[in-house]
Amino acid sequence: MVDSETGEFNRWARSRDAKAFQALVSRHAPMVYATCRRVLGDPVEAEDVAQETFEALVKAGREPGHRLGPWLHRVATNLALKRIRSSQRRVRRERTYTERLNPMAEHSWDDLYEHVDVAVKELPALQRDAVVAHFLQGRAQADIARDLGVSPQAVSKRIRQGLDAVADSLKKRGVTVSAVPLGELLTAHVAKVEPIPSTLLASLGKLSLSQSGGASAILSFMPQ
């Protein structure tokens, strides 16, 4: 059985259907932009890298070998890290971050904010799929299980294992937090991302338009 996302991607890949591409962007752009915003800490640069992420999808020309959401998250994180390295800001940011950390303190979302996406990116595919879908895209475990063709118990297990692994990764970066409060922080804060800038929505509409020739693509991306 082909799920709706795969069907949308296939329509876009075969005929550059602007509406299919729009549906993919509408589903994933909030997560992509939020990821870039967390890693980069700058809304303007986050907008640029989010655009680059969807351009990478266009260049791929075919559906990634794994689930699209986790693939976009990984690409967005990698591009954001590349942007940091190229501007030689990572060393300064990490030094400042390390100096203000108290390993014995109870960490807040601000402590995790810029590191969590790198830790998620490093997860094994099965765990990454579940963590990205549940925490970064806000999907219910039952829906994830249905799309993946596994039981809700299997999804719950993957999420627990993923949180444990993310917690271990954060500990190596100087942030000590256990899996349960980590899950609570992700649940409480990921949904509170800033709205996607209208300029990004417009540029993604232009990207769709350039692939399809659909005259209404740009307008359909803009907020009403």
N, C-alpha and C. Protein backbone atom coordinates (compact mmCIF):
# COMPACT_ATOMS: atom_id res chain seq x y z
N MET A 1 0.84 -1.20 0.00
CA MET A 1 0.00 0.00 0.00
C MET A 1 0.88 1.25 0.00
N VAL A 2 0.60 2.22 -0.87
CA VAL A 2 1.36 3.44 -0.97
C VAL A 2 0.72 4.50 -0.08
N ASP A 3 1.50 5.05 0.88
CA ASP A 3 0.91 6.07 1.75
C ASP A 3 0.81 7.39 1.01
N SER A 4 0.10 8.36 1.63
CA SER A 4 -0.18 9.61 0.93
C SER A 4 1.09 10.38 0.61
N GLU A 5 2.07 10.35 1.52
CA GLU A 5 3.30 11.07 1.29
C GLU A 5 4.06 10.50 0.10
N THR A 6 4.16 9.17 0.04
CA THR A 6 4.84 8.54 -1.09
C THR A 6 4.12 8.84 -2.39
N GLY A 7 2.78 8.82 -2.35
CA GLY A 7 2.01 9.15 -3.54
C GLY A 7 2.26 10.57 -4.00
N GLU A 8 2.32 11.51 -3.06
CA GLU A 8 2.60 12.91 -3.40
C GLU A 8 3.98 13.05 -4.02
N PHE A 9 4.96 12.36 -3.41
CA PHE A 9 6.31 12.48 -3.95
C PHE A 9 6.39 11.88 -5.34
N ASN A 10 5.72 10.75 -5.55
CA ASN A 10 5.75 10.11 -6.87
C ASN A 10 5.11 11.01 -7.93
N ARG A 11 4.01 11.69 -7.56
CA ARG A 11 3.37 12.59 -8.53
C ARG A 11 4.30 13.74 -8.88
N TRP A 12 4.98 14.27 -7.86
CA TRP A 12 5.91 15.36 -8.14
C TRP A 12 7.10 14.87 -8.96
N ALA A 13 7.67 13.72 -8.61
CA ALA A 13 8.85 13.20 -9.30
C ALA A 13 8.55 12.87 -10.76
N ARG A 14 7.34 12.34 -11.01
CA ARG A 14 7.00 11.93 -12.38
C ARG A 14 6.64 13.12 -13.26
N SER A 15 5.83 14.04 -12.73
CA SER A 15 5.28 15.10 -13.59
C SER A 15 5.51 16.51 -13.05
N ARG A 16 6.32 16.63 -11.99
CA ARG A 16 6.57 17.94 -11.36
C ARG A 16 5.26 18.64 -11.03
N ASP A 17 4.39 17.88 -10.38
CA ASP A 17 3.08 18.37 -9.96
C ASP A 17 3.28 19.37 -8.82
N ALA A 18 2.96 20.65 -9.07
CA ALA A 18 3.19 21.70 -8.08
C ALA A 18 2.40 21.47 -6.80
N LYS A 19 1.16 20.97 -6.94
CA LYS A 19 0.33 20.76 -5.76
C LYS A 19 0.90 19.63 -4.89
N ALA A 20 1.48 18.62 -5.53
CA ALA A 20 2.08 17.54 -4.75
C ALA A 20 3.30 18.04 -4.00
N PHE A 21 4.11 18.86 -4.66
CA PHE A 21 5.28 19.42 -3.99
C PHE A 21 4.85 20.35 -2.86
N GLN A 22 3.80 21.12 -3.10
CA GLN A 22 3.27 22.00 -2.07
C GLN A 22 2.83 21.22 -0.84
N ALA A 23 2.20 20.07 -1.07
CA ALA A 23 1.75 19.24 0.06
C ALA A 23 2.94 18.74 0.87
N LEU A 24 4.00 18.35 0.19
CA LEU A 24 5.20 17.88 0.89
C LEU A 24 5.82 19.01 1.70
N VAL A 25 5.89 20.20 1.11
CA VAL A 25 6.46 21.35 1.81
C VAL A 25 5.61 21.72 3.02
N SER A 26 4.28 21.75 2.82
CA SER A 26 3.39 22.11 3.93
C SER A 26 3.55 21.15 5.10
N ARG A 27 3.78 19.87 4.80
CA ARG A 27 3.93 18.87 5.86
C ARG A 27 5.26 19.00 6.59
N HIS A 28 6.32 19.32 5.85
CA HIS A 28 7.66 19.21 6.44
C HIS A 28 8.37 20.54 6.70
N ALA A 29 7.94 21.62 6.07
CA ALA A 29 8.65 22.89 6.24
C ALA A 29 8.71 23.37 7.69
N PRO A 30 7.65 23.23 8.49
CA PRO A 30 7.78 23.67 9.89
C PRO A 30 8.90 22.96 10.64
N MET A 31 9.02 21.66 10.45
CA MET A 31 10.09 20.91 11.11
C MET A 31 11.46 21.32 10.58
N VAL A 32 11.56 21.48 9.26
CA VAL A 32 12.85 21.84 8.65
C VAL A 32 13.31 23.21 9.14
N TYR A 33 12.41 24.18 9.12
CA TYR A 33 12.78 25.53 9.56
C TYR A 33 13.15 25.54 11.05
N ALA A 34 12.36 24.85 11.87
CA ALA A 34 12.64 24.80 13.30
C ALA A 34 14.00 24.16 13.58
N THR A 35 14.33 23.11 12.82
CA THR A 35 15.63 22.47 12.98
C THR A 35 16.75 23.46 12.67
N CYS A 36 16.65 24.14 11.55
CA CYS A 36 17.68 25.12 11.17
C CYS A 36 17.77 26.25 12.20
N ARG A 37 16.62 26.65 12.72
CA ARG A 37 16.59 27.74 13.71
C ARG A 37 17.30 27.31 14.99
N ARG A 38 17.09 26.06 15.41
CA ARG A 38 17.74 25.59 16.63
C ARG A 38 19.25 25.49 16.45
N VAL A 39 19.68 24.90 15.34
CA VAL A 39 21.11 24.68 15.15
C VAL A 39 21.85 25.99 14.93
N LEU A 40 21.28 26.88 14.13
CA LEU A 40 21.97 28.11 13.76
C LEU A 40 21.77 29.25 14.73
N GLY A 41 20.61 29.27 15.40
CA GLY A 41 20.35 30.36 16.33
C GLY A 41 20.10 31.69 15.66
N ASP A 42 19.85 31.70 14.38
CA ASP A 42 19.65 32.95 13.63
C ASP A 42 18.52 32.74 12.64
N PRO A 43 17.45 33.52 12.72
CA PRO A 43 16.28 33.27 11.86
C PRO A 43 16.56 33.50 10.38
N VAL A 44 17.42 34.46 10.05
CA VAL A 44 17.71 34.73 8.64
C VAL A 44 18.50 33.58 8.03
N GLU A 45 19.53 33.13 8.74
CA GLU A 45 20.31 32.01 8.23
C GLU A 45 19.48 30.73 8.22
N ALA A 46 18.61 30.57 9.20
CA ALA A 46 17.74 29.40 9.23
C ALA A 46 16.84 29.36 7.99
N GLU A 47 16.36 30.51 7.59
CA GLU A 47 15.52 30.59 6.39
C GLU A 47 16.32 30.17 5.16
N ASP A 48 17.56 30.64 5.05
CA ASP A 48 18.40 30.29 3.91
C ASP A 48 18.65 28.79 3.85
N VAL A 49 18.97 28.19 4.99
CA VAL A 49 19.31 26.77 5.01
C VAL A 49 18.07 25.90 4.81
N ALA A 50 16.93 26.34 5.31
CA ALA A 50 15.69 25.61 5.03
C ALA A 50 15.41 25.57 3.54
N GLN A 51 15.63 26.70 2.87
CA GLN A 51 15.48 26.74 1.41
C GLN A 51 16.45 25.76 0.75
N GLU A 52 17.71 25.75 1.21
CA GLU A 52 18.70 24.84 0.64
C GLU A 52 18.30 23.38 0.84
N THR A 53 17.64 23.10 1.95
CA THR A 53 17.22 21.72 2.22
C THR A 53 16.22 21.23 1.19
N PHE A 54 15.24 22.06 0.86
CA PHE A 54 14.26 21.64 -0.15
C PHE A 54 14.87 21.66 -1.55
N GLU A 55 15.86 22.51 -1.78
CA GLU A 55 16.57 22.47 -3.05
C GLU A 55 17.32 21.15 -3.19
N ALA A 56 17.85 20.65 -2.06
CA ALA A 56 18.53 19.35 -2.09
C ALA A 56 17.55 18.24 -2.44
N LEU A 57 16.30 18.36 -1.96
CA LEU A 57 15.28 17.38 -2.31
C LEU A 57 14.98 17.42 -3.80
N VAL A 58 14.90 18.63 -4.35
CA VAL A 58 14.66 18.77 -5.79
C VAL A 58 15.80 18.14 -6.58
N LYS A 59 17.03 18.40 -6.14
CA LYS A 59 18.19 17.86 -6.86
C LYS A 59 18.24 16.35 -6.76
N ALA A 60 17.74 15.80 -5.66
CA ALA A 60 17.76 14.35 -5.51
C ALA A 60 16.93 13.69 -6.62
N GLY A 61 15.82 14.32 -6.98
CA GLY A 61 15.04 13.86 -8.12
C GLY A 61 14.27 12.57 -7.90
N ARG A 62 14.45 11.95 -6.77
CA ARG A 62 13.72 10.71 -6.47
C ARG A 62 13.56 10.64 -4.97
N GLU A 63 12.64 9.80 -4.53
CA GLU A 63 12.38 9.70 -3.10
C GLU A 63 13.59 9.13 -2.39
N PRO A 64 14.02 9.76 -1.28
CA PRO A 64 15.14 9.22 -0.52
C PRO A 64 14.87 7.78 -0.12
N GLY A 65 15.93 7.04 0.14
CA GLY A 65 15.77 5.63 0.46
C GLY A 65 15.07 5.37 1.76
N HIS A 66 14.87 6.41 2.58
CA HIS A 66 14.20 6.22 3.86
C HIS A 66 13.05 7.22 3.97
N ARG A 67 12.43 7.29 5.12
CA ARG A 67 11.30 8.19 5.31
C ARG A 67 11.71 9.64 5.05
N LEU A 68 10.82 10.39 4.41
CA LEU A 68 11.17 11.73 3.95
C LEU A 68 11.43 12.68 5.13
N GLY A 69 10.61 12.63 6.18
CA GLY A 69 10.80 13.53 7.31
C GLY A 69 12.19 13.41 7.94
N PRO A 70 12.60 12.21 8.34
CA PRO A 70 13.94 12.05 8.89
C PRO A 70 15.05 12.41 7.90
N TRP A 71 14.83 12.14 6.61
CA TRP A 71 15.83 12.51 5.60
C TRP A 71 15.98 14.03 5.55
N LEU A 72 14.88 14.75 5.52
CA LEU A 72 14.94 16.22 5.50
C LEU A 72 15.57 16.75 6.78
N HIS A 73 15.26 16.14 7.92
CA HIS A 73 15.87 16.58 9.18
C HIS A 73 17.38 16.41 9.13
N ARG A 74 17.83 15.28 8.63
CA ARG A 74 19.27 15.03 8.56
C ARG A 74 19.95 16.01 7.60
N VAL A 75 19.34 16.25 6.44
CA VAL A 75 19.91 17.19 5.48
C VAL A 75 19.96 18.60 6.07
N ALA A 76 18.85 19.01 6.70
CA ALA A 76 18.80 20.35 7.30
C ALA A 76 19.87 20.51 8.37
N THR A 77 20.04 19.51 9.22
CA THR A 77 21.05 19.58 10.27
C THR A 77 22.45 19.65 9.67
N ASN A 78 22.72 18.80 8.69
CA ASN A 78 24.05 18.80 8.07
C ASN A 78 24.36 20.13 7.39
N LEU A 79 23.37 20.69 6.68
CA LEU A 79 23.59 21.97 6.01
C LEU A 79 23.79 23.10 7.03
N ALA A 80 23.04 23.05 8.13
CA ALA A 80 23.20 24.07 9.16
C ALA A 80 24.59 23.97 9.80
N LEU A 81 25.04 22.75 10.08
CA LEU A 81 26.38 22.57 10.65
C LEU A 81 27.45 23.04 9.67
N LYS A 82 27.24 22.76 8.40
CA LYS A 82 28.19 23.22 7.38
C LYS A 82 28.25 24.74 7.36
N ARG A 83 27.10 25.38 7.50
CA ARG A 83 27.06 26.85 7.54
C ARG A 83 27.85 27.37 8.74
N ILE A 84 27.71 26.73 9.88
CA ILE A 84 28.44 27.15 11.07
C ILE A 84 29.95 26.97 10.86
N ARG A 85 30.32 25.81 10.34
CA ARG A 85 31.76 25.56 10.15
C ARG A 85 32.36 26.53 9.14
N SER A 86 31.64 26.81 8.08
CA SER A 86 32.17 27.68 7.04
C SER A 86 32.38 29.09 7.53
N SER A 87 31.58 29.51 8.50
CA SER A 87 31.74 30.86 9.05
C SER A 87 32.63 30.88 10.29
N GLN A 88 33.15 29.70 10.64
CA GLN A 88 34.09 29.56 11.77
C GLN A 88 33.53 30.10 13.08
N ARG A 89 32.23 29.86 13.28
CA ARG A 89 31.61 30.31 14.53
C ARG A 89 31.46 29.18 15.53
N ARG A 90 31.60 27.92 15.06
CA ARG A 90 31.31 26.80 15.95
C ARG A 90 32.22 26.80 17.18
N VAL A 91 33.51 27.07 16.98
CA VAL A 91 34.44 27.04 18.11
C VAL A 91 34.06 28.07 19.15
N ARG A 92 33.72 29.27 18.69
CA ARG A 92 33.34 30.31 19.63
C ARG A 92 32.06 29.96 20.37
N ARG A 93 31.08 29.42 19.65
CA ARG A 93 29.81 29.06 20.29
C ARG A 93 29.99 27.93 21.29
N GLU A 94 30.80 26.93 20.92
CA GLU A 94 31.00 25.81 21.83
C GLU A 94 31.77 26.25 23.07
N ARG A 95 32.74 27.16 22.90
CA ARG A 95 33.50 27.64 24.06
C ARG A 95 32.57 28.39 25.02
N THR A 96 31.74 29.27 24.46
CA THR A 96 30.80 30.02 25.30
C THR A 96 29.82 29.09 25.99
N TYR A 97 29.35 28.10 25.24
CA TYR A 97 28.38 27.16 25.80
C TYR A 97 28.99 26.36 26.94
N THR A 98 30.21 25.86 26.75
CA THR A 98 30.87 25.05 27.76
C THR A 98 31.13 25.86 29.02
N GLU A 99 31.50 27.11 28.86
CA GLU A 99 31.83 27.94 30.01
C GLU A 99 30.62 28.20 30.90
N ARG A 100 29.42 28.22 30.32
CA ARG A 100 28.26 28.54 31.13
C ARG A 100 27.55 27.30 31.67
N LEU A 101 27.98 26.10 31.22
CA LEU A 101 27.32 24.88 31.67
C LEU A 101 27.77 24.49 33.07
N ASN A 102 26.81 24.05 33.85
CA ASN A 102 27.11 23.42 35.14
C ASN A 102 26.62 21.99 35.04
N PRO A 103 27.54 21.01 34.93
CA PRO A 103 27.11 19.62 34.71
C PRO A 103 26.17 19.08 35.78
N MET A 104 26.15 19.67 36.95
CA MET A 104 25.31 19.18 38.03
C MET A 104 23.93 19.83 38.03
N ALA A 105 23.75 20.81 37.17
CA ALA A 105 22.49 21.54 37.18
C ALA A 105 21.39 20.75 36.47
N GLU A 106 20.15 21.09 36.79
CA GLU A 106 19.01 20.54 36.06
C GLU A 106 18.82 21.38 34.81
N HIS A 107 18.97 20.77 33.66
CA HIS A 107 19.05 21.54 32.44
C HIS A 107 17.67 21.94 31.92
N SER A 108 17.66 23.08 31.26
CA SER A 108 16.44 23.62 30.68
C SER A 108 16.49 23.42 29.17
N TRP A 109 15.39 23.80 28.51
CA TRP A 109 15.35 23.69 27.06
C TRP A 109 16.43 24.54 26.42
N ASP A 110 16.77 25.69 27.00
CA ASP A 110 17.81 26.54 26.43
C ASP A 110 19.15 25.82 26.36
N ASP A 111 19.41 24.94 27.33
CA ASP A 111 20.66 24.19 27.34
C ASP A 111 20.72 23.17 26.20
N LEU A 112 19.56 22.60 25.87
CA LEU A 112 19.51 21.54 24.87
C LEU A 112 19.32 22.07 23.45
N TYR A 113 18.78 23.27 23.36
CA TYR A 113 18.25 23.82 22.11
C TYR A 113 19.14 23.60 20.91
N GLU A 114 20.41 24.00 21.00
CA GLU A 114 21.26 23.99 19.82
C GLU A 114 21.94 22.65 19.57
N HIS A 115 21.81 21.69 20.49
CA HIS A 115 22.50 20.41 20.36
C HIS A 115 21.57 19.25 20.01
N VAL A 116 20.29 19.39 20.25
CA VAL A 116 19.40 18.24 20.17
C VAL A 116 19.31 17.68 18.75
N ASP A 117 19.33 18.53 17.73
CA ASP A 117 19.17 18.03 16.37
C ASP A 117 20.38 17.22 15.91
N VAL A 118 21.57 17.62 16.34
CA VAL A 118 22.76 16.85 16.00
C VAL A 118 22.68 15.47 16.65
N ALA A 119 22.23 15.42 17.90
CA ALA A 119 22.10 14.15 18.60
C ALA A 119 21.06 13.26 17.93
N VAL A 120 19.94 13.83 17.50
CA VAL A 120 18.91 13.05 16.81
C VAL A 120 19.42 12.55 15.46
N LYS A 121 20.15 13.38 14.76
CA LYS A 121 20.70 13.00 13.45
C LYS A 121 21.58 11.76 13.53
N GLU A 122 22.24 11.58 14.67
CA GLU A 122 23.18 10.47 14.84
C GLU A 122 22.51 9.15 15.20
N LEU A 123 21.21 9.16 15.44
CA LEU A 123 20.51 7.94 15.83
C LEU A 123 20.47 6.93 14.69
N PRO A 124 20.38 5.64 15.02
CA PRO A 124 20.09 4.63 13.99
C PRO A 124 18.75 4.94 13.33
N ALA A 125 18.59 4.50 12.08
CA ALA A 125 17.44 4.91 11.28
C ALA A 125 16.10 4.63 11.94
N LEU A 126 15.91 3.43 12.50
CA LEU A 126 14.61 3.09 13.08
C LEU A 126 14.26 4.01 14.25
N GLN A 127 15.23 4.29 15.09
CA GLN A 127 14.98 5.17 16.23
C GLN A 127 14.80 6.61 15.76
N ARG A 128 15.60 7.02 14.78
CA ARG A 128 15.50 8.40 14.28
C ARG A 128 14.13 8.65 13.66
N ASP A 129 13.63 7.70 12.89
CA ASP A 129 12.30 7.85 12.29
C ASP A 129 11.25 8.12 13.35
N ALA A 130 11.27 7.33 14.41
CA ALA A 130 10.25 7.45 15.45
C ALA A 130 10.39 8.75 16.23
N VAL A 131 11.62 9.12 16.57
CA VAL A 131 11.85 10.34 17.36
C VAL A 131 11.50 11.58 16.55
N VAL A 132 11.93 11.63 15.30
CA VAL A 132 11.61 12.79 14.45
C VAL A 132 10.10 12.92 14.27
N ALA A 133 9.44 11.81 13.95
CA ALA A 133 8.00 11.87 13.70
C ALA A 133 7.23 12.29 14.95
N HIS A 134 7.62 11.73 16.11
CA HIS A 134 6.84 11.99 17.32
C HIS A 134 7.15 13.35 17.93
N PHE A 135 8.42 13.66 18.11
CA PHE A 135 8.77 14.89 18.82
C PHE A 135 8.96 16.09 17.91
N LEU A 136 9.54 15.92 16.73
CA LEU A 136 9.83 17.07 15.88
C LEU A 136 8.71 17.39 14.91
N GLN A 137 7.87 16.37 14.61
CA GLN A 137 6.72 16.63 13.74
C GLN A 137 5.39 16.54 14.48
N GLY A 138 5.44 16.18 15.77
CA GLY A 138 4.25 16.19 16.60
C GLY A 138 3.22 15.14 16.27
N ARG A 139 3.64 13.99 15.76
CA ARG A 139 2.69 12.96 15.36
C ARG A 139 2.44 11.97 16.50
N ALA A 140 1.22 11.46 16.57
CA ALA A 140 0.86 10.48 17.59
C ALA A 140 1.53 9.15 17.29
N GLN A 141 1.84 8.41 18.36
CA GLN A 141 2.52 7.13 18.18
C GLN A 141 1.68 6.15 17.36
N ALA A 142 0.37 6.18 17.54
CA ALA A 142 -0.50 5.27 16.77
C ALA A 142 -0.41 5.56 15.28
N ASP A 143 -0.35 6.84 14.91
CA ASP A 143 -0.24 7.20 13.49
C ASP A 143 1.11 6.76 12.92
N ILE A 144 2.16 6.94 13.71
CA ILE A 144 3.49 6.52 13.27
C ILE A 144 3.51 5.01 13.04
N ALA A 145 2.93 4.27 13.98
CA ALA A 145 2.90 2.81 13.88
C ALA A 145 2.18 2.38 12.61
N ARG A 146 1.06 3.03 12.31
CA ARG A 146 0.30 2.67 11.12
C ARG A 146 1.11 2.93 9.85
N ASP A 147 1.79 4.07 9.78
CA ASP A 147 2.57 4.38 8.59
C ASP A 147 3.77 3.46 8.42
N LEU A 148 4.38 3.07 9.54
CA LEU A 148 5.57 2.21 9.47
C LEU A 148 5.20 0.74 9.37
N GLY A 149 3.94 0.41 9.60
CA GLY A 149 3.52 -0.98 9.54
C GLY A 149 4.02 -1.81 10.71
N VAL A 150 4.11 -1.18 11.89
CA VAL A 150 4.55 -1.90 13.09
C VAL A 150 3.54 -1.64 14.19
N SER A 151 3.71 -2.29 15.33
CA SER A 151 2.80 -2.10 16.45
C SER A 151 3.11 -0.81 17.19
N PRO A 152 2.12 -0.24 17.89
CA PRO A 152 2.40 0.93 18.73
C PRO A 152 3.46 0.63 19.79
N GLN A 153 3.50 -0.61 20.27
CA GLN A 153 4.51 -0.98 21.26
C GLN A 153 5.91 -0.89 20.67
N ALA A 154 6.04 -1.28 19.40
CA ALA A 154 7.34 -1.19 18.75
C ALA A 154 7.78 0.26 18.59
N VAL A 155 6.82 1.14 18.24
CA VAL A 155 7.15 2.56 18.12
C VAL A 155 7.56 3.13 19.47
N SER A 156 6.81 2.79 20.52
CA SER A 156 7.14 3.26 21.86
C SER A 156 8.55 2.82 22.28
N LYS A 157 8.89 1.57 21.95
CA LYS A 157 10.22 1.07 22.28
C LYS A 157 11.31 1.84 21.54
N ARG A 158 11.07 2.09 20.26
CA ARG A 158 12.05 2.83 19.46
C ARG A 158 12.24 4.25 20.02
N ILE A 159 11.14 4.86 20.44
CA ILE A 159 11.23 6.21 21.01
C ILE A 159 12.04 6.18 22.31
N ARG A 160 11.77 5.20 23.18
CA ARG A 160 12.52 5.11 24.43
C ARG A 160 14.01 4.90 24.15
N GLN A 161 14.30 4.00 23.23
CA GLN A 161 15.70 3.74 22.89
C GLN A 161 16.35 4.99 22.29
N GLY A 162 15.59 5.70 21.46
CA GLY A 162 16.11 6.91 20.85
C GLY A 162 16.40 7.99 21.88
N LEU A 163 15.49 8.16 22.83
CA LEU A 163 15.71 9.16 23.88
C LEU A 163 16.93 8.81 24.72
N ASP A 164 17.10 7.52 25.03
CA ASP A 164 18.28 7.10 25.79
C ASP A 164 19.56 7.44 25.02
N ALA A 165 19.54 7.18 23.71
CA ALA A 165 20.72 7.45 22.89
C ALA A 165 20.98 8.95 22.77
N VAL A 166 19.92 9.74 22.61
CA VAL A 166 20.09 11.19 22.55
C VAL A 166 20.65 11.71 23.87
N ALA A 167 20.15 11.20 24.98
CA ALA A 167 20.66 11.61 26.29
C ALA A 167 22.14 11.29 26.42
N ASP A 168 22.55 10.12 25.94
CA ASP A 168 23.97 9.75 25.98
C ASP A 168 24.80 10.70 25.13
N SER A 169 24.28 11.04 23.95
CA SER A 169 24.99 11.94 23.06
C SER A 169 25.13 13.33 23.68
N LEU A 170 24.06 13.81 24.30
CA LEU A 170 24.11 15.13 24.93
C LEU A 170 25.10 15.14 26.10
N LYS A 171 25.17 14.03 26.82
CA LYS A 171 26.10 13.95 27.94
C LYS A 171 27.53 14.15 27.47
N LYS A 172 27.87 13.61 26.29
CA LYS A 172 29.21 13.77 25.73
C LYS A 172 29.48 15.23 25.37
N ARG A 173 28.41 15.99 25.18
CA ARG A 173 28.56 17.41 24.86
C ARG A 173 28.46 18.28 26.12
N GLY A 174 28.42 17.65 27.28
CA GLY A 174 28.42 18.39 28.53
C GLY A 174 27.06 18.66 29.10
N VAL A 175 26.00 18.06 28.54
CA VAL A 175 24.64 18.27 29.02
C VAL A 175 24.11 16.96 29.59
N THR A 176 23.91 16.92 30.90
CA THR A 176 23.44 15.70 31.55
C THR A 176 21.93 15.80 31.78
N VAL A 177 21.18 14.95 31.09
CA VAL A 177 19.73 14.92 31.24
C VAL A 177 19.28 13.49 30.94
N SER A 178 18.36 12.97 31.75
CA SER A 178 17.88 11.61 31.54
C SER A 178 16.77 11.60 30.51
N ALA A 179 16.41 10.40 30.06
CA ALA A 179 15.48 10.26 28.95
C ALA A 179 14.09 10.83 29.25
N VAL A 180 13.58 10.61 30.46
CA VAL A 180 12.21 11.06 30.76
C VAL A 180 12.09 12.59 30.71
N PRO A 181 12.92 13.34 31.45
CA PRO A 181 12.81 14.81 31.32
C PRO A 181 13.17 15.31 29.93
N LEU A 182 14.04 14.59 29.22
CA LEU A 182 14.36 14.97 27.85
C LEU A 182 13.11 14.89 26.98
N GLY A 183 12.36 13.79 27.10
CA GLY A 183 11.12 13.66 26.35
C GLY A 183 10.12 14.74 26.70
N GLU A 184 10.05 15.08 27.99
CA GLU A 184 9.13 16.13 28.42
C GLU A 184 9.52 17.48 27.84
N LEU A 185 10.84 17.77 27.80
CA LEU A 185 11.30 19.03 27.24
C LEU A 185 11.01 19.10 25.73
N LEU A 186 11.24 17.99 25.04
CA LEU A 186 10.94 17.97 23.61
C LEU A 186 9.45 18.18 23.35
N THR A 187 8.62 17.49 24.12
CA THR A 187 7.17 17.61 23.96
C THR A 187 6.70 19.03 24.24
N ALA A 188 7.28 19.65 25.27
CA ALA A 188 6.82 20.97 25.70
C ALA A 188 7.28 22.09 24.78
N HIS A 189 8.45 21.92 24.15
CA HIS A 189 9.04 23.08 23.47
C HIS A 189 9.10 23.00 21.96
N VAL A 190 9.16 21.81 21.39
CA VAL A 190 9.29 21.74 19.94
C VAL A 190 8.07 22.31 19.25
N ALA A 191 6.90 22.13 19.86
CA ALA A 191 5.67 22.67 19.25
C ALA A 191 5.61 24.19 19.30
N LYS A 192 6.49 24.81 20.08
CA LYS A 192 6.44 26.26 20.26
C LYS A 192 7.42 26.99 19.35
N VAL A 193 7.63 26.47 18.15
CA VAL A 193 8.55 27.10 17.22
C VAL A 193 7.90 28.35 16.63
N GLU A 194 8.77 29.23 16.11
CA GLU A 194 8.27 30.43 15.47
C GLU A 194 7.56 30.08 14.17
N PRO A 195 6.59 30.88 13.77
CA PRO A 195 5.95 30.64 12.48
C PRO A 195 6.96 30.72 11.34
N ILE A 196 6.72 29.96 10.28
CA ILE A 196 7.62 30.03 9.13
C ILE A 196 7.50 31.40 8.48
N PRO A 197 8.61 32.07 8.21
CA PRO A 197 8.54 33.40 7.60
C PRO A 197 7.83 33.36 6.25
N SER A 198 7.06 34.38 5.97
CA SER A 198 6.33 34.43 4.70
C SER A 198 7.29 34.45 3.52
N THR A 199 8.49 35.03 3.72
CA THR A 199 9.47 35.06 2.63
C THR A 199 9.95 33.66 2.29
N LEU A 200 10.08 32.78 3.31
CA LEU A 200 10.46 31.40 3.04
C LEU A 200 9.35 30.67 2.31
N LEU A 201 8.11 30.88 2.75
CA LEU A 201 6.98 30.25 2.06
C LEU A 201 6.93 30.68 0.60
N ALA A 202 7.19 31.97 0.35
CA ALA A 202 7.16 32.46 -1.02
C ALA A 202 8.28 31.85 -1.85
N SER A 203 9.48 31.74 -1.26
CA SER A 203 10.61 31.18 -2.01
C SER A 203 10.40 29.71 -2.31
N LEU A 204 9.76 28.99 -1.39
CA LEU A 204 9.45 27.58 -1.65
C LEU A 204 8.37 27.46 -2.73
N GLY A 205 7.46 28.42 -2.74
CA GLY A 205 6.48 28.45 -3.83
C GLY A 205 7.15 28.66 -5.18
N LYS A 206 8.13 29.53 -5.21
CA LYS A 206 8.87 29.76 -6.45
C LYS A 206 9.64 28.51 -6.87
N LEU A 207 10.18 27.80 -5.87
CA LEU A 207 10.89 26.56 -6.16
C LEU A 207 9.95 25.56 -6.82
N SER A 208 8.74 25.45 -6.28
CA SER A 208 7.74 24.57 -6.87
C SER A 208 7.38 25.03 -8.28
N LEU A 209 7.21 26.33 -8.43
CA LEU A 209 6.83 26.89 -9.73
C LEU A 209 7.89 26.61 -10.78
N SER A 210 9.16 26.71 -10.38
CA SER A 210 10.25 26.50 -11.33
C SER A 210 10.30 25.06 -11.82
N GLN A 211 9.73 24.14 -11.02
CA GLN A 211 9.75 22.73 -11.39
C GLN A 211 8.54 22.31 -12.21
N SER A 212 7.46 23.13 -12.14
CA SER A 212 6.21 22.63 -12.71
C SER A 212 5.56 23.53 -13.74
N GLY A 213 5.76 24.83 -13.61
CA GLY A 213 5.04 25.74 -14.49
C GLY A 213 3.63 26.03 -14.04
N GLY A 214 3.27 25.60 -12.79
CA GLY A 214 1.94 25.89 -12.28
C GLY A 214 1.81 27.34 -11.85
N ALA A 215 0.94 28.11 -12.47
CA ALA A 215 0.89 29.55 -12.25
C ALA A 215 0.45 29.94 -10.87
N SER A 216 -0.25 29.06 -10.16
CA SER A 216 -0.78 29.45 -8.86
C SER A 216 0.07 28.94 -7.70
N ALA A 217 1.23 28.36 -7.99
CA ALA A 217 2.02 27.72 -6.93
C ALA A 217 2.44 28.68 -5.86
N ILE A 218 2.91 29.88 -6.25
CA ILE A 218 3.42 30.81 -5.24
C ILE A 218 2.29 31.27 -4.34
N LEU A 219 1.19 31.67 -4.93
CA LEU A 219 0.08 32.17 -4.12
C LEU A 219 -0.43 31.12 -3.16
N SER A 220 -0.41 29.87 -3.55
CA SER A 220 -0.96 28.83 -2.70
C SER A 220 -0.10 28.58 -1.47
N PHE A 221 1.17 29.00 -1.49
CA PHE A 221 2.03 28.85 -0.33
C PHE A 221 1.84 29.98 0.67
N MET A 222 1.35 31.13 0.22
CA MET A 222 1.29 32.29 1.08
C MET A 222 0.16 32.17 2.09
N PRO A 223 0.41 32.68 3.35
CA PRO A 223 -0.64 32.62 4.36
C PRO A 223 -1.80 33.49 3.98
N GLN A 224 -3.00 33.05 4.37
CA GLN A 224 -4.21 33.81 4.03
C GLN A 224 -4.43 34.94 5.05
